[in-house]
Each structure stands twice: as structure tokens, then as C-alpha cells.
Amino acid sequence: MAEKRKFAKKYCKYSAMKIEYIDYKNTDLLKISMSERGKIMPRRLTGTSKRFQEQVENAIKRARHMALVPYIVDTKNLTDSAYSKK
């Protein structure tokens, strides 16, 4: 017999929150799909649907360009939050 899954099924957090459009100005929403070092998390890890993943990528890139989200994070201070307000 096939073994049961030992992990929960991934789901799209954005469709669960019933969000229509992901805006680049909403940095709290963008942090869901970013790693602690500021990288965009892939779909296979987050479970985001294709439609929302494309919106997230565009929004993060726009937010980086507008300097709302950092391009890179100082790796020396990884104990601090990457997005902490100083």
C-alpha cells in the first residue's frame, strides 16, 4: 500500500486571503514570498499559484526599484530582521 503523506498540502496563501491584486507598496504582503536574505521564494516552496507568483515577482522587483525593499541584506547581521526599521 502507498504510504500517507507526512506533510501538509501546500496552498496559495494569496488566494486563501482573497486578494485580487498584489501591490508593490504593501511590503508586509510581499514579505510572505521573500526569504530572510531578501530573495524571492520559488513556487515549489511557497505553494503560490502561477498567477500570484507572477504578480509577486513583478511587485517585489518594483518595490526594490523604488527602494521599499532591499536588493541585498547584510549577511553579517542575519540575527536582526531583514526588514527591521532602524
PDB file of N, CA and C in Angstrom:
ATOM      1  N   MET A   1       0.824  -1.188   0.000  1.00  0.00           N
ATOM      2  CA  MET A   1       0.000   0.000   0.000  1.00  0.00           C
ATOM      3  C   MET A   1       0.870   1.254   0.000  1.00  0.00           C
ATOM      4  N   ALA A   2       0.333   2.290  -0.547  1.00  0.00           N
ATOM      5  CA  ALA A   2       1.043   3.559  -0.591  1.00  0.00           C
ATOM      6  C   ALA A   2       1.017   4.214   0.787  1.00  0.00           C
ATOM      7  N   GLU A   3       2.137   4.807   1.135  1.00  0.00           N
ATOM      8  CA  GLU A   3       2.210   5.492   2.420  1.00  0.00           C
ATOM      9  C   GLU A   3       1.478   6.832   2.336  1.00  0.00           C
ATOM     10  N   LYS A   4       0.944   7.256   3.466  1.00  0.00           N
ATOM     11  CA  LYS A   4       0.282   8.543   3.520  1.00  0.00           C
ATOM     12  C   LYS A   4       1.326   9.655   3.538  1.00  0.00           C
ATOM     13  N   ARG A   5       0.897  10.827   3.117  1.00  0.00           N
ATOM     14  CA  ARG A   5       1.797  11.976   3.145  1.00  0.00           C
ATOM     15  C   ARG A   5       2.106  12.357   4.586  1.00  0.00           C
ATOM     16  N   LYS A   6       3.348  12.759   4.802  1.00  0.00           N
ATOM     17  CA  LYS A   6       3.750  13.169   6.136  1.00  0.00           C
ATOM     18  C   LYS A   6       3.843  14.690   6.256  1.00  0.00           C
ATOM     19  N   PHE A   7       3.379  15.377   5.216  1.00  0.00           N
ATOM     20  CA  PHE A   7       3.421  16.825   5.237  1.00  0.00           C
ATOM     21  C   PHE A   7       2.089  17.379   4.748  1.00  0.00           C
ATOM     22  N   ALA A   8       1.836  18.595   5.132  1.00  0.00           N
ATOM     23  CA  ALA A   8       0.569  19.223   4.747  1.00  0.00           C
ATOM     24  C   ALA A   8       0.625  19.659   3.286  1.00  0.00           C
ATOM     25  N   LYS A   9      -0.510  19.614   2.629  1.00  0.00           N
ATOM     26  CA  LYS A   9      -0.586  20.030   1.237  1.00  0.00           C
ATOM     27  C   LYS A   9      -0.374  21.532   1.150  1.00  0.00           C
ATOM     28  N   LYS A  10       0.438  21.964   0.196  1.00  0.00           N
ATOM     29  CA  LYS A  10       0.698  23.389   0.028  1.00  0.00           C
ATOM     30  C   LYS A  10      -0.489  24.050  -0.647  1.00  0.00           C
ATOM     31  N   TYR A  11      -0.753  25.261  -0.274  1.00  0.00           N
ATOM     32  CA  TYR A  11      -1.855  26.015  -0.852  1.00  0.00           C
ATOM     33  C   TYR A  11      -1.391  27.448  -1.076  1.00  0.00           C
ATOM     34  N   CYS A  12      -2.102  28.138  -1.932  1.00  0.00           N
ATOM     35  CA  CYS A  12      -1.782  29.526  -2.248  1.00  0.00           C
ATOM     36  C   CYS A  12      -2.326  30.429  -1.145  1.00  0.00           C
ATOM     37  N   LYS A  13      -1.439  31.108  -0.462  1.00  0.00           N
ATOM     38  CA  LYS A  13      -1.842  31.976   0.646  1.00  0.00           C
ATOM     39  C   LYS A  13      -2.597  33.205   0.157  1.00  0.00           C
ATOM     40  N   TYR A  14      -2.258  33.654  -1.041  1.00  0.00           N
ATOM     41  CA  TYR A  14      -2.897  34.858  -1.563  1.00  0.00           C
ATOM     42  C   TYR A  14      -4.342  34.594  -1.972  1.00  0.00           C
ATOM     43  N   SER A  15      -4.601  33.430  -2.567  1.00  0.00           N
ATOM     44  CA  SER A  15      -5.985  33.120  -2.925  1.00  0.00           C
ATOM     45  C   SER A  15      -6.795  32.779  -1.671  1.00  0.00           C
ATOM     46  N   ALA A  16      -6.143  32.247  -0.644  1.00  0.00           N
ATOM     47  CA  ALA A  16      -6.838  31.983   0.618  1.00  0.00           C
ATOM     48  C   ALA A  16      -7.229  33.295   1.309  1.00  0.00           C
ATOM     49  N   MET A  17      -6.403  34.341   1.138  1.00  0.00           N
ATOM     50  CA  MET A  17      -6.711  35.646   1.708  1.00  0.00           C
ATOM     51  C   MET A  17      -7.669  36.439   0.824  1.00  0.00           C
ATOM     52  N   LYS A  18      -8.013  35.885  -0.335  1.00  0.00           N
ATOM     53  CA  LYS A  18      -8.928  36.506  -1.305  1.00  0.00           C
ATOM     54  C   LYS A  18      -8.423  37.872  -1.761  1.00  0.00           C
ATOM     55  N   ILE A  19      -7.154  37.888  -2.164  1.00  0.00           N
ATOM     56  CA  ILE A  19      -6.535  39.103  -2.675  1.00  0.00           C
ATOM     57  C   ILE A  19      -6.681  39.106  -4.190  1.00  0.00           C
ATOM     58  N   GLU A  20      -7.081  40.239  -4.733  1.00  0.00           N
ATOM     59  CA  GLU A  20      -7.271  40.349  -6.183  1.00  0.00           C
ATOM     60  C   GLU A  20      -5.962  40.707  -6.881  1.00  0.00           C
ATOM     61  N   TYR A  21      -5.220  41.656  -6.304  1.00  0.00           N
ATOM     62  CA  TYR A  21      -4.012  42.168  -6.938  1.00  0.00           C
ATOM     63  C   TYR A  21      -2.967  42.428  -5.863  1.00  0.00           C
ATOM     64  N   ILE A  22      -1.729  42.102  -6.158  1.00  0.00           N
ATOM     65  CA  ILE A  22      -0.644  42.322  -5.198  1.00  0.00           C
ATOM     66  C   ILE A  22       0.049  43.625  -5.559  1.00  0.00           C
ATOM     67  N   ASP A  23      -0.013  44.588  -4.649  1.00  0.00           N
ATOM     68  CA  ASP A  23       0.549  45.911  -4.884  1.00  0.00           C
ATOM     69  C   ASP A  23       1.972  45.963  -4.356  1.00  0.00           C
ATOM     70  N   TYR A  24       2.848  46.652  -5.070  1.00  0.00           N
ATOM     71  CA  TYR A  24       4.251  46.734  -4.663  1.00  0.00           C
ATOM     72  C   TYR A  24       4.433  47.593  -3.417  1.00  0.00           C
ATOM     73  N   LYS A  25       3.467  48.436  -3.094  1.00  0.00           N
ATOM     74  CA  LYS A  25       3.592  49.313  -1.921  1.00  0.00           C
ATOM     75  C   LYS A  25       3.305  48.584  -0.613  1.00  0.00           C
ATOM     76  N   ASN A  26       2.653  47.444  -0.687  1.00  0.00           N
ATOM     77  CA  ASN A  26       2.307  46.677   0.510  1.00  0.00           C
ATOM     78  C   ASN A  26       3.457  45.715   0.828  1.00  0.00           C
ATOM     79  N   THR A  27       4.464  46.204   1.543  1.00  0.00           N
ATOM     80  CA  THR A  27       5.663  45.398   1.795  1.00  0.00           C
ATOM     81  C   THR A  27       5.397  44.259   2.774  1.00  0.00           C
ATOM     82  N   ASP A  28       4.425  44.427   3.655  1.00  0.00           N
ATOM     83  CA  ASP A  28       4.101  43.339   4.588  1.00  0.00           C
ATOM     84  C   ASP A  28       3.584  42.123   3.840  1.00  0.00           C
ATOM     85  N   LEU A  29       2.840  42.341   2.790  1.00  0.00           N
ATOM     86  CA  LEU A  29       2.318  41.249   1.980  1.00  0.00           C
ATOM     87  C   LEU A  29       3.422  40.604   1.151  1.00  0.00           C
ATOM     88  N   LEU A  30       4.383  41.389   0.715  1.00  0.00           N
ATOM     89  CA  LEU A  30       5.481  40.863  -0.102  1.00  0.00           C
ATOM     90  C   LEU A  30       6.446  40.009   0.712  1.00  0.00           C
ATOM     91  N   LYS A  31       6.544  40.281   2.010  1.00  0.00           N
ATOM     92  CA  LYS A  31       7.479  39.531   2.855  1.00  0.00           C
ATOM     93  C   LYS A  31       7.118  38.056   2.960  1.00  0.00           C
ATOM     94  N   ILE A  32       5.852  37.713   2.675  1.00  0.00           N
ATOM     95  CA  ILE A  32       5.436  36.307   2.720  1.00  0.00           C
ATOM     96  C   ILE A  32       6.236  35.483   1.716  1.00  0.00           C
ATOM     97  N   SER A  33       6.524  36.084   0.574  1.00  0.00           N
ATOM     98  CA  SER A  33       7.197  35.357  -0.507  1.00  0.00           C
ATOM     99  C   SER A  33       8.674  35.682  -0.615  1.00  0.00           C
ATOM    100  N   MET A  34       9.251  36.262   0.427  1.00  0.00           N
ATOM    101  CA  MET A  34      10.674  36.574   0.407  1.00  0.00           C
ATOM    102  C   MET A  34      11.393  35.842   1.531  1.00  0.00           C
ATOM    103  N   SER A  35      12.634  35.456   1.260  1.00  0.00           N
ATOM    104  CA  SER A  35      13.436  34.806   2.289  1.00  0.00           C
ATOM    105  C   SER A  35      13.988  35.872   3.236  1.00  0.00           C
ATOM    106  N   GLU A  36      14.663  35.425   4.287  1.00  0.00           N
ATOM    107  CA  GLU A  36      15.224  36.367   5.252  1.00  0.00           C
ATOM    108  C   GLU A  36      16.360  37.178   4.655  1.00  0.00           C
ATOM    109  N   ARG A  37      16.927  36.703   3.559  1.00  0.00           N
ATOM    110  CA  ARG A  37      18.006  37.420   2.895  1.00  0.00           C
ATOM    111  C   ARG A  37      17.503  38.304   1.766  1.00  0.00           C
ATOM    112  N   GLY A  38      16.192  38.330   1.543  1.00  0.00           N
ATOM    113  CA  GLY A  38      15.617  39.217   0.551  1.00  0.00           C
ATOM    114  C   GLY A  38      15.410  38.597  -0.811  1.00  0.00           C
ATOM    115  N   LYS A  39      15.560  37.294  -0.922  1.00  0.00           N
ATOM    116  CA  LYS A  39      15.360  36.628  -2.206  1.00  0.00           C
ATOM    117  C   LYS A  39      13.897  36.241  -2.391  1.00  0.00           C
ATOM    118  N   ILE A  40      13.487  36.138  -3.650  1.00  0.00           N
ATOM    119  CA  ILE A  40      12.121  35.729  -3.960  1.00  0.00           C
ATOM    120  C   ILE A  40      12.043  34.210  -3.830  1.00  0.00           C
ATOM    121  N   MET A  41      11.103  33.732  -3.027  1.00  0.00           N
ATOM    122  CA  MET A  41      10.948  32.292  -2.819  1.00  0.00           C
ATOM    123  C   MET A  41      10.255  31.661  -4.031  1.00  0.00           C
ATOM    124  N   PRO A  42      10.693  30.477  -4.455  1.00  0.00           N
ATOM    125  CA  PRO A  42      10.061  29.828  -5.614  1.00  0.00           C
ATOM    126  C   PRO A  42       8.704  29.227  -5.267  1.00  0.00           C
ATOM    127  N   ARG A  43       7.938  28.951  -6.307  1.00  0.00           N
ATOM    128  CA  ARG A  43       6.589  28.390  -6.135  1.00  0.00           C
ATOM    129  C   ARG A  43       6.608  27.042  -5.440  1.00  0.00           C
ATOM    130  N   ARG A  44       7.603  26.243  -5.729  1.00  0.00           N
ATOM    131  CA  ARG A  44       7.634  24.890  -5.161  1.00  0.00           C
ATOM    132  C   ARG A  44       7.809  24.905  -3.644  1.00  0.00           C
ATOM    133  N   LEU A  45       8.340  25.994  -3.097  1.00  0.00           N
ATOM    134  CA  LEU A  45       8.495  26.098  -1.645  1.00  0.00           C
ATOM    135  C   LEU A  45       7.306  26.784  -0.982  1.00  0.00           C
ATOM    136  N   THR A  46       6.756  27.801  -1.630  1.00  0.00           N
ATOM    137  CA  THR A  46       5.678  28.560  -1.009  1.00  0.00           C
ATOM    138  C   THR A  46       4.298  27.994  -1.313  1.00  0.00           C
ATOM    139  N   GLY A  47       4.141  27.307  -2.449  1.00  0.00           N
ATOM    140  CA  GLY A  47       2.842  26.788  -2.830  1.00  0.00           C
ATOM    141  C   GLY A  47       1.960  27.822  -3.498  1.00  0.00           C
ATOM    142  N   THR A  48       2.543  28.944  -3.880  1.00  0.00           N
ATOM    143  CA  THR A  48       1.788  30.014  -4.526  1.00  0.00           C
ATOM    144  C   THR A  48       1.378  29.590  -5.931  1.00  0.00           C
ATOM    145  N   SER A  49       0.176  29.999  -6.349  1.00  0.00           N
ATOM    146  CA  SER A  49      -0.284  29.677  -7.696  1.00  0.00           C
ATOM    147  C   SER A  49       0.509  30.485  -8.727  1.00  0.00           C
ATOM    148  N   LYS A  50       0.460  30.045  -9.969  1.00  0.00           N
ATOM    149  CA  LYS A  50       1.239  30.683 -11.027  1.00  0.00           C
ATOM    150  C   LYS A  50       0.849  32.139 -11.210  1.00  0.00           C
ATOM    151  N   ARG A  51      -0.439  32.401 -11.179  1.00  0.00           N
ATOM    152  CA  ARG A  51      -0.947  33.763 -11.367  1.00  0.00           C
ATOM    153  C   ARG A  51      -0.407  34.709 -10.299  1.00  0.00           C
ATOM    154  N   PHE A  52      -0.456  34.295  -9.048  1.00  0.00           N
ATOM    155  CA  PHE A  52       0.010  35.156  -7.963  1.00  0.00           C
ATOM    156  C   PHE A  52       1.531  35.210  -7.887  1.00  0.00           C
ATOM    157  N   GLN A  53       2.207  34.142  -8.281  1.00  0.00           N
ATOM    158  CA  GLN A  53       3.670  34.162  -8.271  1.00  0.00           C
ATOM    159  C   GLN A  53       4.196  35.200  -9.260  1.00  0.00           C
ATOM    160  N   GLU A  54       3.567  35.310 -10.418  1.00  0.00           N
ATOM    161  CA  GLU A  54       3.976  36.327 -11.392  1.00  0.00           C
ATOM    162  C   GLU A  54       3.725  37.725 -10.848  1.00  0.00           C
ATOM    163  N   GLN A  55       2.600  37.914 -10.183  1.00  0.00           N
ATOM    164  CA  GLN A  55       2.308  39.217  -9.579  1.00  0.00           C
ATOM    165  C   GLN A  55       3.299  39.543  -8.464  1.00  0.00           C
ATOM    166  N   VAL A  56       3.652  38.534  -7.668  1.00  0.00           N
ATOM    167  CA  VAL A  56       4.605  38.737  -6.570  1.00  0.00           C
ATOM    168  C   VAL A  56       5.965  39.130  -7.126  1.00  0.00           C
ATOM    169  N   GLU A  57       6.419  38.443  -8.165  1.00  0.00           N
ATOM    170  CA  GLU A  57       7.723  38.754  -8.751  1.00  0.00           C
ATOM    171  C   GLU A  57       7.770  40.183  -9.262  1.00  0.00           C
ATOM    172  N   ASN A  58       6.731  40.584  -9.995  1.00  0.00           N
ATOM    173  CA  ASN A  58       6.694  41.957 -10.515  1.00  0.00           C
ATOM    174  C   ASN A  58       6.634  42.971  -9.384  1.00  0.00           C
ATOM    175  N   ALA A  59       5.844  42.699  -8.368  1.00  0.00           N
ATOM    176  CA  ALA A  59       5.701  43.640  -7.250  1.00  0.00           C
ATOM    177  C   ALA A  59       7.010  43.765  -6.470  1.00  0.00           C
ATOM    178  N   ILE A  60       7.706  42.664  -6.240  1.00  0.00           N
ATOM    179  CA  ILE A  60       8.972  42.721  -5.498  1.00  0.00           C
ATOM    180  C   ILE A  60      10.019  43.478  -6.303  1.00  0.00           C
ATOM    181  N   LYS A  61      10.062  43.231  -7.595  1.00  0.00           N
ATOM    182  CA  LYS A  61      11.031  43.937  -8.438  1.00  0.00           C
ATOM    183  C   LYS A  61      10.742  45.426  -8.477  1.00  0.00           C
ATOM    184  N   ARG A  62       9.463  45.803  -8.521  1.00  0.00           N
ATOM    185  CA  ARG A  62       9.104  47.220  -8.488  1.00  0.00           C
ATOM    186  C   ARG A  62       9.432  47.837  -7.135  1.00  0.00           C
ATOM    187  N   ALA A  63       9.161  47.098  -6.063  1.00  0.00           N
ATOM    188  CA  ALA A  63       9.456  47.607  -4.718  1.00  0.00           C
ATOM    189  C   ALA A  63      10.957  47.772  -4.510  1.00  0.00           C
ATOM    190  N   ARG A  64      11.749  46.887  -5.077  1.00  0.00           N
ATOM    191  CA  ARG A  64      13.207  47.041  -4.997  1.00  0.00           C
ATOM    192  C   ARG A  64      13.646  48.287  -5.747  1.00  0.00           C
ATOM    193  N   HIS A  65      13.072  48.490  -6.924  1.00  0.00           N
ATOM    194  CA  HIS A  65      13.434  49.650  -7.733  1.00  0.00           C
ATOM    195  C   HIS A  65      13.055  50.955  -7.028  1.00  0.00           C
ATOM    196  N   MET A  66      11.947  50.952  -6.316  1.00  0.00           N
ATOM    197  CA  MET A  66      11.505  52.134  -5.588  1.00  0.00           C
ATOM    198  C   MET A  66      12.150  52.233  -4.199  1.00  0.00           C
ATOM    199  N   ALA A  67      13.031  51.308  -3.863  1.00  0.00           N
ATOM    200  CA  ALA A  67      13.776  51.277  -2.598  1.00  0.00           C
ATOM    201  C   ALA A  67      12.866  51.047  -1.397  1.00  0.00           C
ATOM    202  N   LEU A  68      11.770  50.321  -1.586  1.00  0.00           N
ATOM    203  CA  LEU A  68      10.905  49.940  -0.463  1.00  0.00           C
ATOM    204  C   LEU A  68      11.383  48.636   0.171  1.00  0.00           C
ATOM    205  N   VAL A  69      12.041  47.801  -0.637  1.00  0.00           N
ATOM    206  CA  VAL A  69      12.568  46.511  -0.199  1.00  0.00           C
ATOM    207  C   VAL A  69      14.032  46.469  -0.632  1.00  0.00           C
ATOM    208  N   PRO A  70      14.935  45.987   0.209  1.00  0.00           N
ATOM    209  CA  PRO A  70      16.348  45.976  -0.178  1.00  0.00           C
ATOM    210  C   PRO A  70      16.659  44.933  -1.245  1.00  0.00           C
ATOM    211  N   TYR A  71      17.635  45.247  -2.110  1.00  0.00           N
ATOM    212  CA  TYR A  71      18.108  44.266  -3.088  1.00  0.00           C
ATOM    213  C   TYR A  71      18.876  43.159  -2.381  1.00  0.00           C
ATOM    214  N   ILE A  72      19.766  43.568  -1.470  1.00  0.00           N
ATOM    215  CA  ILE A  72      20.557  42.604  -0.709  1.00  0.00           C
ATOM    216  C   ILE A  72      20.470  42.961   0.766  1.00  0.00           C
ATOM    217  N   VAL A  73      20.742  41.968   1.610  1.00  0.00           N
ATOM    218  CA  VAL A  73      20.701  42.160   3.055  1.00  0.00           C
ATOM    219  C   VAL A  73      22.089  41.875   3.588  1.00  0.00           C
ATOM    220  N   ASP A  74      22.532  42.661   4.552  1.00  0.00           N
ATOM    221  CA  ASP A  74      23.840  42.476   5.161  1.00  0.00           C
ATOM    222  C   ASP A  74      23.891  41.113   5.843  1.00  0.00           C
ATOM    223  N   THR A  75      24.750  40.229   5.367  1.00  0.00           N
ATOM    224  CA  THR A  75      24.810  38.873   5.908  1.00  0.00           C
ATOM    225  C   THR A  75      25.501  38.811   7.264  1.00  0.00           C
ATOM    226  N   LYS A  76      26.172  39.861   7.670  1.00  0.00           N
ATOM    227  CA  LYS A  76      26.831  39.869   8.975  1.00  0.00           C
ATOM    228  C   LYS A  76      25.812  39.955  10.107  1.00  0.00           C
ATOM    229  N   ASN A  77      24.696  40.611   9.841  1.00  0.00           N
ATOM    230  CA  ASN A  77      23.688  40.826  10.879  1.00  0.00           C
ATOM    231  C   ASN A  77      22.424  40.040  10.577  1.00  0.00           C
ATOM    232  N   LEU A  78      22.553  38.759  10.312  1.00  0.00           N
ATOM    233  CA  LEU A  78      21.374  37.951   9.995  1.00  0.00           C
ATOM    234  C   LEU A  78      20.514  37.662  11.217  1.00  0.00           C
ATOM    235  N   THR A  79      21.042  37.910  12.416  1.00  0.00           N
ATOM    236  CA  THR A  79      20.220  37.699  13.605  1.00  0.00           C
ATOM    237  C   THR A  79      19.133  38.757  13.691  1.00  0.00           C
ATOM    238  N   ASP A  80      19.415  39.959  13.151  1.00  0.00           N
ATOM    239  CA  ASP A  80      18.395  41.003  13.100  1.00  0.00           C
ATOM    240  C   ASP A  80      17.435  40.686  11.957  1.00  0.00           C
ATOM    241  N   SER A  81      16.248  41.186  12.064  1.00  0.00           N
ATOM    242  CA  SER A  81      15.285  41.021  10.993  1.00  0.00           C
ATOM    243  C   SER A  81      15.731  41.810   9.779  1.00  0.00           C
ATOM    244  N   ALA A  82      15.566  41.249   8.608  1.00  0.00           N
ATOM    245  CA  ALA A  82      15.998  41.904   7.378  1.00  0.00           C
ATOM    246  C   ALA A  82      15.215  43.162   7.108  1.00  0.00           C
ATOM    247  N   TYR A  83      14.026  43.264   7.680  1.00  0.00           N
ATOM    248  CA  TYR A  83      13.147  44.387   7.376  1.00  0.00           C
ATOM    249  C   TYR A  83      12.899  45.270   8.582  1.00  0.00           C
ATOM    250  N   SER A  84      13.744  45.147   9.584  1.00  0.00           N
ATOM    251  CA  SER A  84      13.510  45.942  10.789  1.00  0.00           C
ATOM    252  C   SER A  84      13.723  47.418  10.488  1.00  0.00           C
ATOM    253  N   LYS A  85      12.924  48.230  11.090  1.00  0.00           N
ATOM    254  CA  LYS A  85      13.026  49.682  10.893  1.00  0.00           C
ATOM    255  C   LYS A  85      14.010  50.235  11.902  1.00  0.00           C
ATOM    256  N   LYS A  86      14.988  50.934  11.409  1.00  0.00           N
ATOM    257  CA  LYS A  86      16.030  51.461  12.294  1.00  0.00           C
ATOM    258  C   LYS A  86      15.871  52.932  12.489  1.00  0.00           C
TER     259      LYS A  86
END
